[in-house]
Protein backbone atom coordinates (compact mmCIF):
# COMPACT_ATOMS: atom_id res chain seq x y z
CA MET A 1 -41.01 -5.47 74.26
CA LEU A 2 -41.04 -2.91 71.44
CA LYS A 3 -37.52 -1.82 72.40
CA ASN A 4 -36.35 -5.42 72.14
CA LEU A 5 -37.90 -5.74 68.70
CA ASP A 6 -36.20 -2.54 67.50
CA ARG A 7 -32.88 -3.81 68.80
CA GLU A 8 -33.37 -7.14 67.06
CA ILE A 9 -34.24 -5.43 63.77
CA ALA A 10 -31.18 -3.18 64.06
CA ARG A 11 -28.99 -6.21 64.80
CA MET A 12 -30.36 -8.09 61.80
CA GLU A 13 -29.85 -5.08 59.53
CA ARG A 14 -26.26 -4.81 60.75
CA LYS A 15 -25.71 -8.51 60.05
CA LEU A 16 -27.15 -8.10 56.55
CA ARG A 17 -24.89 -5.11 55.89
CA PHE A 18 -21.81 -7.07 56.98
CA LEU A 19 -22.91 -9.98 54.81
CA LYS A 20 -23.11 -7.65 51.81
CA TYR A 21 -19.62 -6.34 52.59
CA LYS A 22 -18.29 -9.90 52.81
CA ILE A 23 -19.84 -10.82 49.47
CA VAL A 24 -18.35 -7.75 47.83
CA LEU A 25 -14.91 -8.40 49.31
CA THR A 26 -14.82 -12.12 48.57
CA VAL A 27 -16.56 -12.29 45.18
CA VAL A 28 -16.87 -8.97 43.39
CA LEU A 29 -13.51 -7.42 44.29
CA PRO A 30 -11.36 -10.43 43.30
CA VAL A 31 -13.21 -10.73 39.97
CA PHE A 32 -12.63 -7.03 39.35
CA ILE A 33 -8.93 -7.40 40.19
CA VAL A 34 -8.55 -10.37 37.80
CA ILE A 35 -10.28 -8.50 34.96
CA LEU A 36 -8.12 -5.45 35.56
CA ALA A 37 -4.95 -7.57 35.63
CA VAL A 38 -5.88 -9.21 32.32
CA LYS A 39 -6.40 -5.81 30.70
CA VAL A 40 -3.08 -4.54 32.06
CA ILE A 41 -1.24 -7.62 30.78
CA ARG A 42 -2.85 -7.29 27.33
CA THR A 43 -1.87 -3.63 27.14
CA TYR A 44 1.69 -4.45 28.22
CA ILE A 45 1.96 -7.18 25.58
CA ASN A 46 0.66 -4.81 22.87
CA VAL A 47 3.20 -2.16 23.85
CA ARG A 48 6.05 -4.68 23.89
CA MET A 49 5.02 -6.08 20.50
CA ARG A 50 4.92 -2.56 19.07
CA GLN A 51 8.41 -1.86 20.43
CA ILE A 52 9.74 -5.10 18.96
CA ALA A 53 8.15 -4.32 15.58
CA GLU A 54 9.69 -0.82 15.57
CA LYS A 55 13.14 -2.24 16.32
CA HIS A 56 12.69 -4.88 13.61
CA GLU A 57 11.75 -2.23 11.04
CA ALA A 58 14.78 -0.13 11.96
CA VAL A 59 17.15 -3.11 11.56
CA GLN A 60 15.88 -4.26 8.14
CA PRO A 61 18.11 -3.21 5.25
CA GLU A 62 16.63 -0.97 2.60
CA GLU A 63 15.41 -2.61 -0.57
CA LYS A 64 17.52 -2.15 -3.71
CA GLU A 65 15.80 -0.71 -6.72
């Protein structure tokens, strides 16, 4: 009887562990990926804007005094 109880507890702990893994994989990981993607896109946009601004400054004619 005690062996059965130990087995049942071990089985329930295993189920709980797998449930935690499922929650992490289905909720936490996708949210992390979305946040990371947003940061990467923002950085890319900032770099592109800087490059465009540098090209624009190089093309402008010098002011006459």
